[in-house]
Protein backbone atom coordinates (compact mmCIF):
# COMPACT_ATOMS: atom_id res chain seq x y z
CA MET A 1 -72.37 -0.93 37.95
CA GLU A 2 -73.34 -4.41 37.11
CA ARG A 3 -70.49 -6.89 36.55
CA THR A 4 -70.38 -9.34 33.76
CA PRO A 5 -68.81 -12.83 33.91
CA ILE A 6 -65.03 -12.82 33.66
CA LYS A 7 -62.81 -15.03 31.67
CA PHE A 8 -59.11 -15.33 31.31
CA PHE A 9 -57.24 -16.40 28.10
CA SER A 10 -53.71 -16.26 26.98
CA GLY A 11 -51.73 -16.15 23.74
CA ARG A 12 -49.20 -18.94 23.20
CA ALA A 13 -46.12 -16.84 24.22
CA SER A 14 -47.30 -15.91 27.81
CA THR A 15 -49.31 -19.03 28.92
CA TYR A 16 -46.54 -19.62 31.58
CA LEU A 17 -47.51 -16.33 33.13
CA ALA A 18 -51.33 -16.22 32.38
CA GLU A 19 -51.76 -19.48 34.14
CA LYS A 20 -50.12 -18.03 37.32
CA ILE A 21 -52.20 -14.84 37.16
CA ALA A 22 -55.51 -16.73 36.66
CA LEU A 23 -54.57 -19.03 39.56
CA SER A 24 -53.74 -16.02 41.78
CA PHE A 25 -57.07 -14.54 40.80
CA GLY A 26 -58.92 -17.69 41.78
CA THR A 27 -59.78 -19.28 38.41
CA SER A 28 -58.22 -20.93 35.44
CA LEU A 29 -57.41 -20.21 31.87
CA GLY A 30 -60.12 -20.38 29.28
CA ARG A 31 -59.64 -22.77 26.31
CA ILE A 32 -58.13 -21.55 23.08
CA SER A 33 -57.07 -23.47 19.88
CA VAL A 34 -54.82 -22.37 17.16
CA PHE A 35 -55.23 -23.63 13.72
CA GLN A 36 -51.80 -23.69 11.87
CA PHE A 37 -51.64 -23.53 8.16
CA SER A 38 -48.78 -25.25 6.30
CA ASP A 39 -47.10 -22.02 5.23
CA GLY A 40 -46.93 -20.86 8.79
CA GLU A 41 -50.15 -18.65 8.94
CA PHE A 42 -52.28 -19.22 12.05
CA GLN A 43 -55.87 -18.71 13.14
CA PRO A 44 -56.61 -18.65 16.92
CA ALA A 45 -60.23 -19.26 18.11
CA TYR A 46 -62.02 -19.62 21.52
CA ASP A 47 -63.23 -22.98 22.27
CA GLU A 48 -65.86 -21.74 24.81
CA SER A 49 -68.38 -18.97 24.73
CA VAL A 50 -67.30 -15.50 25.68
CA ARG A 51 -70.63 -13.76 24.91
CA GLY A 52 -71.28 -10.92 27.41
CA CYS A 53 -68.01 -11.63 29.28
CA THR A 54 -65.30 -9.36 30.41
CA VAL A 55 -62.36 -10.93 28.72
CA PHE A 56 -58.77 -10.56 29.85
CA ILE A 57 -56.21 -11.52 27.33
CA VAL A 58 -52.59 -12.09 28.52
CA GLN A 59 -49.86 -11.76 25.99
CA SER A 60 -46.59 -10.04 25.98
CA THR A 61 -45.46 -8.66 22.63
CA PHE A 62 -41.79 -9.57 22.42
CA PRO A 63 -40.40 -10.96 19.14
CA PRO A 64 -41.22 -12.59 16.97
CA GLY A 65 -43.92 -10.44 15.46
CA ASP A 66 -46.45 -13.37 15.53
CA ASN A 67 -46.81 -12.73 19.22
CA LEU A 68 -48.42 -9.19 18.46
CA ILE A 69 -50.40 -10.50 15.58
CA GLU A 70 -51.89 -13.33 17.83
CA LEU A 71 -52.92 -10.82 20.52
CA LEU A 72 -54.63 -8.78 17.84
CA MET A 73 -56.42 -11.77 16.46
CA LEU A 74 -57.53 -12.82 19.90
CA ILE A 75 -59.00 -9.36 20.46
CA ASP A 76 -60.84 -9.43 17.17
CA ALA A 77 -62.15 -12.81 17.85
CA ALA A 78 -63.48 -11.90 21.23
CA LYS A 79 -65.23 -8.80 19.86
CA ARG A 80 -66.79 -10.88 16.94
CA ALA A 81 -68.07 -13.43 19.66
CA SER A 82 -69.90 -10.80 21.45
CA ALA A 83 -67.59 -10.24 24.45
CA ASP A 84 -68.73 -7.32 26.53
CA ARG A 85 -65.24 -5.86 27.26
CA VAL A 86 -61.97 -6.97 26.07
CA VAL A 87 -58.76 -6.03 28.20
CA ALA A 88 -55.30 -6.71 26.84
CA VAL A 89 -52.87 -7.55 29.47
CA ILE A 90 -49.57 -6.92 28.04
CA PRO A 91 -46.91 -7.39 30.85
CA TYR A 92 -44.07 -6.40 28.38
CA PHE A 93 -45.18 -3.90 25.65
CA GLY A 94 -42.90 -4.41 22.69
CA PHE A 95 -41.94 -1.79 20.17
CA ALA A 96 -42.22 0.76 23.11
CA ARG A 97 -38.76 1.90 22.30
CA GLN A 98 -39.94 3.16 18.99
CA ASP A 99 -41.75 6.21 20.54
CA ARG A 100 -40.31 8.92 18.34
CA LYS A 101 -38.70 9.70 15.05
CA ASP A 102 -35.09 9.43 16.10
CA ARG A 103 -33.83 9.58 12.56
CA PRO A 104 -35.39 10.73 9.16
CA ARG A 105 -38.10 8.57 7.53
CA ALA A 106 -38.36 6.31 10.48
CA SER A 107 -41.53 4.77 11.67
CA ILE A 108 -42.96 5.36 15.16
CA GLY A 109 -43.67 1.56 15.96
CA ALA A 110 -45.09 2.29 19.44
CA LYS A 111 -47.91 4.56 18.10
CA LEU A 112 -48.58 2.05 15.22
CA VAL A 113 -49.14 -0.80 17.74
CA ALA A 114 -51.43 1.37 19.81
CA ASN A 115 -53.48 2.09 16.64
CA LEU A 116 -53.53 -1.55 15.84
CA LEU A 117 -54.79 -2.59 19.35
CA THR A 118 -57.45 0.02 19.00
CA ALA A 119 -58.54 -1.15 15.69
CA ALA A 120 -58.73 -4.60 16.83
CA GLY A 121 -61.30 -3.57 19.39
CA VAL A 122 -59.53 -3.52 22.71
CA ASP A 123 -61.45 -1.73 25.38
CA ARG A 124 -58.57 -1.33 27.96
CA ILE A 125 -54.85 -1.87 28.14
CA MET A 126 -52.92 -3.29 31.17
CA THR A 127 -49.16 -3.20 31.23
CA MET A 128 -46.05 -2.90 33.11
CA ASP A 129 -43.11 -0.26 33.12
CA LEU A 130 -43.55 1.21 29.60
CA HIS A 131 -40.27 2.47 28.19
CA ALA A 132 -41.63 6.01 28.76
CA ASP A 133 -44.65 7.12 30.73
CA GLN A 134 -45.91 9.29 28.03
CA LEU A 135 -46.57 6.23 25.80
CA GLN A 136 -49.98 6.04 27.62
CA GLY A 137 -51.11 9.05 25.58
CA PHE A 138 -50.79 6.95 22.35
CA PHE A 139 -53.87 5.22 23.28
CA ASP A 140 -57.60 6.23 23.03
CA VAL A 141 -58.63 3.70 25.59
CA PRO A 142 -57.73 3.47 29.28
CA VAL A 143 -54.30 2.33 30.30
CA ASP A 144 -53.36 0.77 33.65
CA HIS A 145 -49.71 1.23 33.88
CA LEU A 146 -48.19 -0.87 36.60
CA TYR A 147 -44.79 -0.48 38.21
CA ALA A 148 -42.49 -3.24 39.12
CA SER A 149 -40.99 -1.11 41.86
CA SER A 150 -43.88 -2.58 43.98
CA LEU A 151 -42.07 -5.89 43.89
CA PHE A 152 -38.43 -4.73 43.72
CA VAL A 153 -38.35 -2.30 46.56
CA PRO A 154 -39.41 -4.89 49.14
CA TYR A 155 -36.93 -7.55 47.74
CA ILE A 156 -34.16 -4.87 48.05
CA GLN A 157 -35.13 -3.89 51.55
CA LYS A 158 -35.08 -7.65 52.67
CA LEU A 159 -31.29 -7.82 51.53
CA GLY A 160 -30.43 -5.40 54.28
CA LEU A 161 -27.79 -3.66 52.27
CA ASP A 162 -25.74 -1.03 54.21
CA ASN A 163 -24.89 2.34 52.47
CA LEU A 164 -27.42 1.73 49.86
CA ALA A 165 -27.33 3.90 46.77
CA ILE A 166 -29.40 3.79 43.48
CA ALA A 167 -27.69 4.30 40.15
CA ALA A 168 -29.11 5.20 36.83
CA PRO A 169 -26.84 3.27 34.34
CA ASP A 170 -27.37 6.25 31.75
CA MET A 171 -29.07 9.43 31.51
CA GLY A 172 -32.21 7.91 30.30
CA GLY A 173 -32.76 6.01 33.54
CA THR A 174 -32.55 8.97 35.76
CA LYS A 175 -36.34 9.42 36.43
CA ARG A 176 -36.79 5.77 37.52
CA ALA A 177 -33.67 5.77 39.70
CA ASN A 178 -34.86 9.04 41.25
CA ALA A 179 -38.13 7.63 42.21
CA TYR A 180 -36.37 4.43 43.77
CA SER A 181 -33.86 6.66 45.76
CA ARG A 182 -36.57 8.96 47.13
CA PHE A 183 -38.77 6.07 48.29
CA MET A 184 -35.79 4.16 50.05
CA ASN A 185 -34.17 7.31 51.29
CA ALA A 186 -31.02 6.40 49.43
CA SER A 187 -28.60 8.57 47.52
CA MET A 188 -28.57 8.50 43.85
CA VAL A 189 -25.74 8.35 41.14
CA ILE A 190 -25.95 8.98 37.49
CA CYS A 191 -23.41 6.76 35.62
CA TYR A 192 -21.67 8.10 32.63
CA LYS A 193 -18.19 7.70 31.07
CA LEU A 194 -16.55 10.41 33.18
CA ARG A 195 -15.01 9.29 36.43
CA LYS A 196 -16.96 9.94 39.67
CA LYS A 197 -15.62 10.91 43.06
CA PRO A 198 -14.62 7.92 45.03
CA ASN A 199 -16.61 8.79 47.97
CA VAL A 200 -19.78 8.84 45.82
CA VAL A 201 -19.30 5.67 43.80
CA GLU A 202 -18.14 3.52 46.50
CA GLU A 203 -21.60 3.41 48.13
CA ILE A 204 -23.36 2.01 44.92
CA LYS A 205 -25.35 -1.12 45.46
CA ALA A 206 -28.22 -1.25 42.81
CA ILE A 207 -28.83 -0.16 39.26
CA GLY A 208 -32.42 0.42 38.06
CA ASP A 209 -33.75 0.28 34.55
CA ASP A 210 -36.88 -0.77 32.69
CA MET A 211 -35.23 -3.54 30.62
CA VAL A 212 -31.94 -5.33 29.90
CA ASP A 213 -31.40 -6.08 26.28
CA THR A 214 -27.84 -6.83 25.30
CA ALA A 215 -26.57 -5.92 28.67
CA GLY A 216 -23.79 -3.60 27.40
CA THR A 217 -24.76 -0.51 29.46
CA ILE A 218 -25.36 -2.12 32.65
CA THR A 219 -22.21 -4.28 32.68
CA PHE A 220 -20.06 -1.15 31.63
CA ALA A 221 -21.61 0.75 34.45
CA ALA A 222 -21.12 -2.06 37.00
CA GLY A 223 -17.53 -2.44 35.91
CA MET A 224 -17.01 1.28 36.47
CA MET A 225 -18.43 1.32 39.98
CA LYS A 226 -16.55 -1.84 40.92
CA SER A 227 -13.24 -0.21 39.89
CA GLU A 228 -14.13 2.74 42.06
CA GLY A 229 -14.43 0.76 45.01
CA ALA A 230 -18.20 -0.41 45.13
CA ALA A 231 -18.80 -3.20 47.60
CA SER A 232 -21.41 -4.85 45.43
CA VAL A 233 -23.48 -4.15 42.48
CA ARG A 234 -26.96 -5.46 41.73
CA VAL A 235 -29.04 -4.77 38.59
CA VAL A 236 -32.88 -4.19 38.83
CA ALA A 237 -34.64 -4.28 35.44
CA THR A 238 -38.31 -5.12 34.79
CA HIS A 239 -38.03 -6.82 31.36
CA PRO A 240 -35.36 -9.37 30.67
CA VAL A 241 -35.07 -8.88 26.96
CA LEU A 242 -31.54 -10.43 27.17
CA SER A 243 -30.67 -10.65 23.43
CA GLY A 244 -27.37 -11.44 21.72
CA PRO A 245 -24.37 -11.66 24.07
CA ALA A 246 -26.42 -10.53 27.21
CA PHE A 247 -26.07 -13.83 29.26
CA GLU A 248 -22.47 -14.08 28.66
CA ARG A 249 -21.74 -10.43 29.47
CA ILE A 250 -23.75 -10.71 32.79
CA GLU A 251 -22.08 -13.84 33.69
CA GLN A 252 -18.50 -12.44 32.89
CA SER A 253 -19.19 -9.04 34.73
CA PRO A 254 -18.71 -8.03 38.23
CA ILE A 255 -22.59 -7.80 38.83
CA ASP A 256 -23.49 -9.68 41.89
CA GLU A 257 -27.16 -10.19 40.98
CA VAL A 258 -29.60 -9.21 38.07
CA ILE A 259 -33.13 -8.97 39.38
CA VAL A 260 -35.85 -9.14 36.83
CA THR A 261 -39.46 -10.22 36.45
CA ASP A 262 -41.18 -12.85 34.40
CA THR A 263 -42.89 -10.45 31.99
CA ILE A 264 -40.70 -12.11 29.46
CA PRO A 265 -39.62 -15.75 29.87
CA LEU A 266 -35.91 -16.39 30.17
CA THR A 267 -34.46 -18.33 27.31
CA ARG A 268 -31.79 -20.02 29.58
CA GLU A 269 -30.86 -19.94 33.29
CA SER A 270 -28.08 -18.09 35.08
CA LYS A 271 -26.98 -18.27 38.71
CA LYS A 272 -26.70 -14.54 38.57
CA ILE A 273 -30.46 -13.86 37.47
CA LYS A 274 -33.24 -13.64 40.10
CA VAL A 275 -36.73 -13.76 38.67
CA ILE A 276 -39.63 -12.22 40.65
CA SER A 277 -43.12 -12.98 39.30
CA VAL A 278 -45.61 -10.21 38.50
CA ALA A 279 -48.56 -12.69 38.61
CA GLU A 280 -50.00 -11.71 41.95
CA HIS A 281 -49.59 -8.18 41.29
CA PHE A 282 -51.44 -8.31 38.00
CA ALA A 283 -54.15 -10.48 39.52
CA GLU A 284 -54.55 -7.85 42.34
CA VAL A 285 -54.94 -5.04 39.83
CA ILE A 286 -57.25 -7.12 37.56
CA HIS A 287 -59.44 -7.82 40.66
CA LYS A 288 -59.80 -4.10 41.29
CA VAL A 289 -60.43 -3.04 37.73
CA TYR A 290 -62.99 -5.74 37.37
CA ASN A 291 -64.84 -4.49 40.50
CA PHE A 292 -64.42 -0.86 39.36
CA GLN A 293 -62.17 -0.05 42.27
CA SER A 294 -59.26 2.32 42.38
CA ILE A 295 -55.76 0.96 41.77
CA SER A 296 -53.98 3.84 43.32
CA ASP A 297 -53.08 1.92 46.47
CA THR A 298 -51.13 -0.70 44.44
CA PHE A 299 -48.48 1.83 43.80
CA LEU A 300 -45.64 2.68 46.08
CA ARG A 301 -45.92 6.04 47.72
């Protein structure tokens, strides 16, 4: 299959990451300008031709909602400018937690966003660690679902921790924690408010989840495990949402280290937070997708 020219662009919220992805791929970002109206409305436009190109647009959709709207408008602009294919690279897919009606008369935000992306004209979605794997079924276009475990596992292995165990901070994180524990041949513990046996909890070293929001769950779980004699506790979370009192809770908690990616930029620094970049991983997958190659070997087995 013939390849079309490739170009990378970014929304304003993810330029810091898009630049690294483009550099890892071996190119640079294309030019975009955003006209700002006095009332806050904005209009993005491409400052170079994308006709006949495969266009990759990098933009995470964390709040405010303008980040999502800007991504939709960039997709629309690329299609109207005769781009051959438009791929939305969404390292953090916002609204993913709204994947069902958990109360009467509530919207299903994740499905709505999927519909909006399709209506804008996107041809493919590339994202990382969705809140639930089944969200891929919300889309009528191909979805490349990347996993940060490809980055986290090597980092954890380099720490050389003894008596390693993987903990799910709550029942919702059991699937992800189980995958880590099987790959690393480590035991797994599910945290809940009932006390665990001392000889199980004392081995806990890491907690895995897809995101840290207010940090209430992970700091509670870390405190519980420390009180049971855990030698150290590290948290592994892909998306550092870190809203409200999250930073204060982490810094005042017994957690030794919180390991996150740069799918969302940190709003402040913390000595306890270690950031691992996803740029090279995304660039590798983009290279394979662009060249019509399988991406299966980028996943941990």
